[in-house]
């Protein structure tokens, strides 16, 4: 079976300067593009309740263990960037221990609009949430003006 969660945010998110990573957040309910398996719940599997735009609204909780394809689409406002950064991360808030980042990209800005798409594949587990983090090295805070975060899990592949 294939389990899919596809999140979208059209709301601007301020990302502080300095190059550090910050978790992107996604609204609940009617603003989600697809979450029939409830992998982006406000009432989270560890018993905590989230309300957008708190940090937990950036989490996808895999419904099952398996091989997952992670996809992101990130649009930055114009700015004086020297570098734009993004990464997927297991347990970005350290809920079950230490966070584990993967698919980290550091990019020079493009000549036009700053729009990036990325994809990566990893094993996922039901009690380890996933997140999408971004950062930049502009001289002041900048905004992500559009973000998408998608997870597709194939549960017919046994996770270690």
N, C-alpha and C. Protein backbone atom coordinates (compact mmCIF):
# COMPACT_ATOMS: atom_id res chain seq x y z
N UNK A 1 0.85 -1.18 0.00
CA UNK A 1 0.00 0.00 0.00
C UNK A 1 0.89 1.24 0.00
N UNK A 2 0.36 2.31 -0.52
CA UNK A 2 1.07 3.59 -0.56
C UNK A 2 0.34 4.57 0.35
N UNK A 3 1.07 5.17 1.29
CA UNK A 3 0.52 6.17 2.21
C UNK A 3 1.12 7.52 1.83
N UNK A 4 0.24 8.51 1.63
CA UNK A 4 0.70 9.81 1.15
C UNK A 4 0.20 10.92 2.06
N UNK A 5 1.08 11.88 2.33
CA UNK A 5 0.72 13.12 3.00
C UNK A 5 1.35 14.24 2.18
N UNK A 6 0.53 15.20 1.78
CA UNK A 6 1.00 16.29 0.93
C UNK A 6 0.56 17.61 1.54
N UNK A 7 1.50 18.37 2.08
CA UNK A 7 1.20 19.63 2.77
C UNK A 7 1.59 20.82 1.91
N UNK A 8 0.86 21.92 2.09
CA UNK A 8 1.15 23.14 1.36
C UNK A 8 0.92 24.34 2.27
N UNK A 9 1.77 25.33 2.14
CA UNK A 9 1.57 26.59 2.86
C UNK A 9 1.77 27.74 1.89
N UNK A 10 0.74 28.56 1.78
CA UNK A 10 0.80 29.78 0.97
C UNK A 10 1.05 30.99 1.86
N UNK A 11 1.18 30.75 3.15
CA UNK A 11 1.41 31.83 4.11
C UNK A 11 2.91 32.09 4.22
N UNK A 12 3.30 33.35 4.20
CA UNK A 12 4.71 33.70 4.35
C UNK A 12 5.23 33.28 5.72
N UNK A 13 6.46 32.77 5.75
CA UNK A 13 7.11 32.37 6.99
C UNK A 13 8.44 33.11 7.08
N UNK A 14 8.61 33.88 8.14
CA UNK A 14 9.84 34.64 8.33
C UNK A 14 10.94 33.69 8.81
N UNK A 15 12.07 33.74 8.10
CA UNK A 15 13.22 32.92 8.45
C UNK A 15 14.36 33.86 8.86
N UNK A 16 14.81 33.78 10.12
CA UNK A 16 15.88 34.67 10.58
C UNK A 16 17.17 34.46 9.79
N UNK A 17 17.98 35.50 9.71
CA UNK A 17 19.27 35.37 9.04
C UNK A 17 20.27 34.66 9.96
N UNK A 18 21.45 34.41 9.46
CA UNK A 18 22.50 33.78 10.26
C UNK A 18 22.86 32.38 9.80
N UNK A 19 22.10 31.81 8.88
CA UNK A 19 22.46 30.52 8.31
C UNK A 19 21.93 29.30 9.05
N UNK A 20 21.36 29.48 10.25
CA UNK A 20 20.82 28.33 10.98
C UNK A 20 19.57 27.79 10.33
N UNK A 21 19.21 26.56 10.69
CA UNK A 21 18.04 25.90 10.11
C UNK A 21 16.79 26.16 10.95
N UNK A 22 15.67 26.33 10.24
CA UNK A 22 14.38 26.59 10.88
C UNK A 22 13.32 25.73 10.23
N UNK A 23 12.49 25.11 11.07
CA UNK A 23 11.45 24.20 10.62
C UNK A 23 10.32 24.96 9.93
N UNK A 24 9.98 24.57 8.70
CA UNK A 24 8.82 25.16 8.03
C UNK A 24 7.57 24.59 8.67
N UNK A 25 6.51 25.41 8.73
CA UNK A 25 5.26 25.02 9.38
C UNK A 25 4.13 25.02 8.36
N UNK A 26 3.16 24.14 8.62
CA UNK A 26 2.06 23.95 7.68
C UNK A 26 0.74 23.97 8.42
N UNK A 27 -0.26 24.66 7.87
CA UNK A 27 -1.57 24.73 8.54
C UNK A 27 -2.27 23.39 8.54
N UNK A 28 -3.20 23.24 9.45
CA UNK A 28 -4.00 22.01 9.58
C UNK A 28 -5.33 22.15 8.86
N UNK A 29 -5.97 21.00 8.65
CA UNK A 29 -7.36 20.98 8.20
C UNK A 29 -7.56 21.38 6.76
N UNK A 30 -8.45 22.34 6.55
CA UNK A 30 -8.90 22.69 5.21
C UNK A 30 -7.78 23.18 4.29
N UNK A 31 -6.65 23.61 4.84
CA UNK A 31 -5.56 24.14 4.02
C UNK A 31 -4.64 23.04 3.50
N UNK A 32 -4.79 21.83 4.03
CA UNK A 32 -3.94 20.74 3.56
C UNK A 32 -4.38 20.28 2.18
N UNK A 33 -3.41 19.93 1.38
CA UNK A 33 -3.79 19.47 0.05
C UNK A 33 -4.18 17.99 0.06
N UNK A 34 -3.59 17.16 0.95
CA UNK A 34 -3.96 15.74 1.01
C UNK A 34 -3.38 15.10 2.26
N UNK A 35 -4.26 14.56 3.10
CA UNK A 35 -3.80 13.87 4.31
C UNK A 35 -4.87 12.89 4.81
N UNK A 36 -5.29 11.98 3.96
CA UNK A 36 -6.35 11.04 4.34
C UNK A 36 -5.90 10.06 5.42
N UNK A 37 -4.59 9.85 5.60
CA UNK A 37 -4.10 8.93 6.64
C UNK A 37 -3.72 9.67 7.93
N UNK A 38 -4.06 10.96 8.01
CA UNK A 38 -3.86 11.73 9.24
C UNK A 38 -2.41 11.69 9.74
N UNK A 39 -1.49 11.97 8.83
CA UNK A 39 -0.07 12.00 9.21
C UNK A 39 0.39 13.40 9.62
N UNK A 40 -0.51 14.38 9.51
CA UNK A 40 -0.22 15.75 9.95
C UNK A 40 -1.33 16.17 10.91
N UNK A 41 -1.44 15.45 12.06
CA UNK A 41 -2.55 15.71 12.98
C UNK A 41 -2.24 16.82 13.99
N UNK A 42 -3.24 17.61 14.32
CA UNK A 42 -3.07 18.58 15.40
C UNK A 42 -2.93 17.84 16.74
N UNK A 43 -3.72 16.77 16.94
CA UNK A 43 -3.58 15.89 18.11
C UNK A 43 -2.52 14.87 17.73
N UNK A 44 -1.30 15.06 18.22
CA UNK A 44 -0.17 14.29 17.73
C UNK A 44 -0.02 12.94 18.44
N UNK A 45 0.62 11.98 17.77
CA UNK A 45 0.72 10.61 18.32
C UNK A 45 1.37 10.52 19.69
N UNK A 46 2.19 11.50 20.07
CA UNK A 46 2.82 11.45 21.40
C UNK A 46 1.95 12.12 22.47
N UNK A 47 0.70 12.48 22.12
CA UNK A 47 -0.23 13.03 23.09
C UNK A 47 -0.26 14.55 23.14
N UNK A 48 0.66 15.23 22.51
CA UNK A 48 0.69 16.70 22.50
C UNK A 48 -0.29 17.23 21.46
N UNK A 49 -0.79 18.43 21.72
CA UNK A 49 -1.69 19.08 20.78
C UNK A 49 -0.95 20.27 20.17
N UNK A 50 -1.04 20.38 18.87
CA UNK A 50 -0.36 21.45 18.13
C UNK A 50 -1.37 22.43 17.57
N UNK A 51 -0.94 23.66 17.41
CA UNK A 51 -1.75 24.69 16.78
C UNK A 51 -0.85 25.49 15.86
N UNK A 52 -1.21 25.54 14.59
CA UNK A 52 -0.40 26.29 13.62
C UNK A 52 -0.35 27.75 14.04
N UNK A 53 0.79 28.39 14.08
CA UNK A 53 2.07 28.02 13.50
C UNK A 53 3.12 27.56 14.50
N UNK A 54 2.75 26.82 15.55
CA UNK A 54 3.79 26.34 16.46
C UNK A 54 4.72 25.37 15.72
N UNK A 55 5.86 25.05 16.35
CA UNK A 55 6.85 24.20 15.68
C UNK A 55 6.31 22.84 15.29
N UNK A 56 5.44 22.29 16.11
CA UNK A 56 4.91 20.95 15.82
C UNK A 56 4.05 20.92 14.56
N UNK A 57 3.59 22.09 14.09
CA UNK A 57 2.82 22.11 12.85
C UNK A 57 3.72 21.86 11.63
N UNK A 58 5.00 21.71 11.85
CA UNK A 58 5.92 21.36 10.78
C UNK A 58 6.19 19.88 10.68
N UNK A 59 5.53 19.06 11.51
CA UNK A 59 5.81 17.63 11.56
C UNK A 59 4.84 16.80 10.73
N UNK A 60 5.40 15.81 10.05
CA UNK A 60 4.62 14.72 9.46
C UNK A 60 5.00 13.47 10.24
N UNK A 61 3.99 12.78 10.77
CA UNK A 61 4.18 11.55 11.53
C UNK A 61 3.85 10.37 10.62
N UNK A 62 4.84 9.60 10.17
CA UNK A 62 4.55 8.47 9.28
C UNK A 62 3.53 7.52 9.89
N UNK A 63 2.56 7.11 9.10
CA UNK A 63 1.51 6.20 9.56
C UNK A 63 2.04 4.79 9.74
N UNK A 64 3.02 4.42 8.90
CA UNK A 64 3.62 3.09 8.93
C UNK A 64 5.12 3.23 8.71
N UNK A 65 5.84 2.15 9.01
CA UNK A 65 7.25 2.10 8.67
C UNK A 65 7.41 1.63 7.24
N UNK A 66 8.44 2.10 6.59
CA UNK A 66 8.69 1.67 5.22
C UNK A 66 9.64 2.59 4.50
N UNK A 67 9.74 2.39 3.21
CA UNK A 67 10.60 3.19 2.34
C UNK A 67 9.79 4.39 1.88
N UNK A 68 10.31 5.60 2.11
CA UNK A 68 9.55 6.81 1.81
C UNK A 68 10.28 7.71 0.84
N UNK A 69 9.51 8.33 -0.01
CA UNK A 69 10.00 9.39 -0.87
C UNK A 69 9.56 10.71 -0.26
N UNK A 70 10.52 11.59 0.01
CA UNK A 70 10.25 12.92 0.55
C UNK A 70 10.44 13.93 -0.57
N UNK A 71 9.52 14.86 -0.69
CA UNK A 71 9.59 15.88 -1.73
C UNK A 71 9.29 17.24 -1.11
N UNK A 72 10.00 18.25 -1.58
CA UNK A 72 9.76 19.61 -1.10
C UNK A 72 9.80 20.59 -2.26
N UNK A 73 9.06 21.67 -2.10
CA UNK A 73 9.08 22.79 -3.03
C UNK A 73 9.13 24.04 -2.17
N UNK A 74 10.13 24.88 -2.39
CA UNK A 74 10.35 26.06 -1.54
C UNK A 74 10.53 27.28 -2.42
N UNK A 75 9.77 28.36 -2.14
CA UNK A 75 9.90 29.62 -2.86
C UNK A 75 10.28 30.71 -1.85
N UNK A 76 11.41 31.34 -2.07
CA UNK A 76 11.88 32.44 -1.23
C UNK A 76 11.55 33.78 -1.86
N UNK A 77 11.30 34.79 -1.03
CA UNK A 77 11.18 36.15 -1.56
C UNK A 77 12.55 36.60 -2.07
N UNK A 78 12.58 37.66 -2.85
CA UNK A 78 13.84 38.21 -3.34
C UNK A 78 14.66 38.72 -2.16
N UNK A 79 15.98 38.66 -2.28
CA UNK A 79 16.83 39.13 -1.20
C UNK A 79 18.30 39.04 -1.56
N UNK A 80 19.14 39.57 -0.71
CA UNK A 80 20.57 39.58 -0.95
C UNK A 80 21.23 38.32 -0.36
N UNK A 81 20.80 37.17 -0.80
CA UNK A 81 21.33 35.91 -0.30
C UNK A 81 22.72 35.63 -0.86
N UNK A 82 23.56 35.04 -0.05
CA UNK A 82 24.78 34.45 -0.61
C UNK A 82 24.62 32.94 -0.66
N UNK A 83 23.70 32.42 0.19
CA UNK A 83 23.45 30.98 0.19
C UNK A 83 22.05 30.70 0.74
N UNK A 84 21.37 29.73 0.14
CA UNK A 84 20.08 29.24 0.61
C UNK A 84 20.26 27.78 1.02
N UNK A 85 19.65 27.38 2.10
CA UNK A 85 19.87 26.05 2.66
C UNK A 85 18.54 25.35 2.91
N UNK A 86 18.53 24.03 2.73
CA UNK A 86 17.36 23.24 3.07
C UNK A 86 17.77 21.80 3.34
N UNK A 87 16.93 21.11 4.11
CA UNK A 87 17.20 19.72 4.46
C UNK A 87 15.93 19.07 4.99
N UNK A 88 15.87 17.76 4.79
CA UNK A 88 14.85 16.96 5.46
C UNK A 88 15.47 16.50 6.77
N UNK A 89 14.62 16.24 7.76
CA UNK A 89 15.16 15.81 9.05
C UNK A 89 14.18 14.88 9.75
N UNK A 90 14.74 13.80 10.30
CA UNK A 90 13.96 12.91 11.17
C UNK A 90 14.00 13.51 12.57
N UNK A 91 12.86 13.54 13.22
CA UNK A 91 12.72 14.02 14.59
C UNK A 91 13.35 15.41 14.78
N UNK A 92 12.90 16.41 14.01
CA UNK A 92 13.53 17.73 14.06
C UNK A 92 13.44 18.44 15.40
N UNK A 93 12.50 18.06 16.24
CA UNK A 93 12.35 18.70 17.56
C UNK A 93 12.95 17.86 18.68
N UNK A 94 13.59 16.75 18.34
CA UNK A 94 14.20 15.90 19.36
C UNK A 94 13.19 15.25 20.28
N UNK A 95 12.00 14.95 19.80
CA UNK A 95 10.94 14.37 20.61
C UNK A 95 11.33 12.98 21.11
N UNK A 96 11.96 12.19 20.26
CA UNK A 96 12.35 10.82 20.62
C UNK A 96 13.86 10.66 20.75
N UNK A 97 14.55 11.74 20.90
CA UNK A 97 16.01 11.67 21.00
C UNK A 97 16.65 12.78 20.19
N UNK A 98 17.59 12.39 19.36
CA UNK A 98 18.38 13.35 18.59
C UNK A 98 17.85 13.46 17.16
N UNK A 99 17.83 14.68 16.62
CA UNK A 99 17.41 14.85 15.23
C UNK A 99 18.47 14.29 14.29
N UNK A 100 18.03 13.91 13.09
CA UNK A 100 18.89 13.27 12.10
C UNK A 100 18.57 13.88 10.74
N UNK A 101 19.43 14.77 10.26
CA UNK A 101 19.16 15.44 9.00
C UNK A 101 19.70 14.63 7.83
N UNK A 102 19.10 14.85 6.67
CA UNK A 102 19.50 14.17 5.45
C UNK A 102 19.13 15.06 4.26
N UNK A 103 19.74 14.81 3.13
CA UNK A 103 19.48 15.58 1.90
C UNK A 103 19.69 17.07 2.14
N UNK A 104 20.78 17.42 2.81
CA UNK A 104 21.10 18.82 3.07
C UNK A 104 21.68 19.44 1.80
N UNK A 105 21.09 20.56 1.38
CA UNK A 105 21.59 21.30 0.22
C UNK A 105 21.90 22.73 0.63
N UNK A 106 23.07 23.23 0.19
CA UNK A 106 23.44 24.63 0.30
C UNK A 106 23.58 25.13 -1.12
N UNK A 107 22.80 26.15 -1.47
CA UNK A 107 22.74 26.61 -2.87
C UNK A 107 23.09 28.08 -2.98
N UNK A 108 23.71 28.43 -4.07
CA UNK A 108 23.86 29.83 -4.43
C UNK A 108 22.52 30.28 -5.01
N UNK A 109 22.16 31.53 -4.84
CA UNK A 109 20.90 31.99 -5.41
C UNK A 109 20.92 31.93 -6.94
N UNK A 110 19.75 31.74 -7.51
CA UNK A 110 19.62 31.74 -8.97
C UNK A 110 19.45 33.18 -9.45
N UNK A 111 19.62 33.42 -10.75
CA UNK A 111 19.48 34.78 -11.26
C UNK A 111 18.04 35.31 -11.15
N UNK A 112 17.04 34.44 -11.17
CA UNK A 112 15.65 34.88 -11.08
C UNK A 112 15.08 34.62 -9.71
N UNK A 113 13.83 34.22 -9.67
CA UNK A 113 13.15 33.92 -8.42
C UNK A 113 13.81 32.71 -7.75
N UNK A 114 13.79 32.68 -6.43
CA UNK A 114 14.43 31.62 -5.67
C UNK A 114 13.44 30.49 -5.39
N UNK A 115 13.29 29.58 -6.37
CA UNK A 115 12.35 28.46 -6.27
C UNK A 115 13.14 27.17 -6.40
N UNK A 116 12.95 26.26 -5.45
CA UNK A 116 13.71 25.02 -5.45
C UNK A 116 12.80 23.84 -5.15
N UNK A 117 13.07 22.74 -5.83
CA UNK A 117 12.38 21.48 -5.57
C UNK A 117 13.43 20.45 -5.24
N UNK A 118 13.14 19.59 -4.28
CA UNK A 118 14.08 18.53 -3.92
C UNK A 118 13.32 17.25 -3.61
N UNK A 119 14.02 16.13 -3.75
CA UNK A 119 13.44 14.83 -3.47
C UNK A 119 14.54 13.95 -2.87
N UNK A 120 14.14 13.07 -1.96
CA UNK A 120 15.09 12.17 -1.31
C UNK A 120 14.31 10.95 -0.82
N UNK A 121 14.99 9.83 -0.66
CA UNK A 121 14.33 8.62 -0.18
C UNK A 121 15.04 8.10 1.07
N UNK A 122 14.23 7.69 2.06
CA UNK A 122 14.76 7.19 3.31
C UNK A 122 13.78 6.17 3.90
N UNK A 123 14.26 5.39 4.90
CA UNK A 123 13.35 4.59 5.70
C UNK A 123 12.73 5.49 6.76
N UNK A 124 11.45 5.28 7.03
CA UNK A 124 10.75 6.04 8.05
C UNK A 124 10.09 5.08 9.05
N UNK A 125 9.77 5.61 10.23
CA UNK A 125 9.16 4.84 11.31
C UNK A 125 7.99 5.62 11.89
N UNK A 126 6.94 4.95 12.33
CA UNK A 126 5.73 5.63 12.80
C UNK A 126 5.93 6.59 13.98
N UNK A 127 6.89 6.34 14.85
CA UNK A 127 7.05 7.19 16.03
C UNK A 127 8.16 8.21 15.87
N UNK A 128 8.64 8.39 14.64
CA UNK A 128 9.69 9.37 14.38
C UNK A 128 9.18 10.37 13.35
N UNK A 129 8.80 11.57 13.81
CA UNK A 129 8.26 12.57 12.89
C UNK A 129 9.33 13.08 11.92
N UNK A 130 8.85 13.62 10.81
CA UNK A 130 9.71 14.18 9.78
C UNK A 130 9.45 15.67 9.64
N UNK A 131 10.46 16.41 9.21
CA UNK A 131 10.29 17.84 8.98
C UNK A 131 11.14 18.32 7.82
N UNK A 132 10.88 19.55 7.43
CA UNK A 132 11.60 20.24 6.37
C UNK A 132 12.14 21.53 6.97
N UNK A 133 13.47 21.67 6.95
CA UNK A 133 14.09 22.87 7.52
C UNK A 133 14.79 23.68 6.44
N UNK A 134 14.82 24.99 6.66
CA UNK A 134 15.47 25.91 5.73
C UNK A 134 16.31 26.92 6.50
N UNK A 135 17.24 27.53 5.78
CA UNK A 135 18.06 28.60 6.33
C UNK A 135 18.62 29.44 5.19
N UNK A 136 19.24 30.57 5.53
CA UNK A 136 19.83 31.44 4.51
C UNK A 136 20.91 32.30 5.15
N UNK A 137 21.69 32.95 4.31
CA UNK A 137 22.76 33.81 4.79
C UNK A 137 22.60 35.26 4.33
N UNK A 138 21.37 35.71 4.11
CA UNK A 138 21.13 37.12 3.77
C UNK A 138 21.47 37.99 4.98
N UNK A 139 21.53 39.28 4.77
CA UNK A 139 21.92 40.20 5.84
C UNK A 139 20.80 40.46 6.85
N UNK A 140 19.57 40.08 6.50
CA UNK A 140 18.44 40.25 7.42
C UNK A 140 17.45 39.11 7.20
N UNK A 141 16.43 39.05 8.04
CA UNK A 141 15.41 38.01 7.89
C UNK A 141 14.79 38.06 6.50
N UNK A 142 14.42 36.89 6.00
CA UNK A 142 13.75 36.78 4.70
C UNK A 142 12.55 35.85 4.86
N UNK A 143 11.69 35.82 3.86
CA UNK A 143 10.47 35.03 3.93
C UNK A 143 10.47 33.90 2.91
N UNK A 144 9.98 32.76 3.37
CA UNK A 144 9.57 31.70 2.45
C UNK A 144 8.12 32.02 2.14
N UNK A 145 7.79 32.23 0.87
CA UNK A 145 6.44 32.68 0.50
C UNK A 145 5.54 31.54 0.05
N UNK A 146 6.12 30.39 -0.22
CA UNK A 146 5.35 29.20 -0.61
C UNK A 146 6.18 27.98 -0.23
N UNK A 147 5.52 26.97 0.35
CA UNK A 147 6.23 25.75 0.71
C UNK A 147 5.31 24.55 0.53
N UNK A 148 5.90 23.46 0.08
CA UNK A 148 5.21 22.17 0.01
C UNK A 148 6.13 21.12 0.62
N UNK A 149 5.54 20.18 1.33
CA UNK A 149 6.27 19.07 1.94
C UNK A 149 5.41 17.84 1.76
N UNK A 150 5.97 16.83 1.09
CA UNK A 150 5.21 15.64 0.73
C UNK A 150 5.98 14.39 1.14
N UNK A 151 5.24 13.41 1.63
CA UNK A 151 5.82 12.11 1.99
C UNK A 151 4.94 11.02 1.39
N UNK A 152 5.57 10.08 0.69
CA UNK A 152 4.89 8.90 0.14
C UNK A 152 5.62 7.67 0.69
N UNK A 153 4.91 6.84 1.44
CA UNK A 153 5.51 5.69 2.11
C UNK A 153 5.02 4.40 1.47
N UNK A 154 5.96 3.56 1.08
CA UNK A 154 5.66 2.22 0.56
C UNK A 154 5.83 1.25 1.74
N UNK A 155 4.74 0.71 2.24
CA UNK A 155 4.84 -0.16 3.42
C UNK A 155 5.16 -1.60 3.08
N UNK A 156 5.29 -1.93 1.79
CA UNK A 156 5.63 -3.30 1.43
C UNK A 156 7.15 -3.53 1.44
N UNK A 157 7.92 -2.52 1.85
CA UNK A 157 9.36 -2.64 2.01
C UNK A 157 9.64 -2.58 3.50
N UNK A 158 10.20 -3.62 4.04
CA UNK A 158 10.44 -3.68 5.49
C UNK A 158 11.51 -2.68 5.90
N UNK A 159 11.19 -1.86 6.89
CA UNK A 159 12.16 -0.92 7.44
C UNK A 159 13.03 -1.66 8.46
N UNK A 160 14.31 -1.28 8.55
CA UNK A 160 15.20 -1.95 9.51
C UNK A 160 14.81 -1.66 10.95
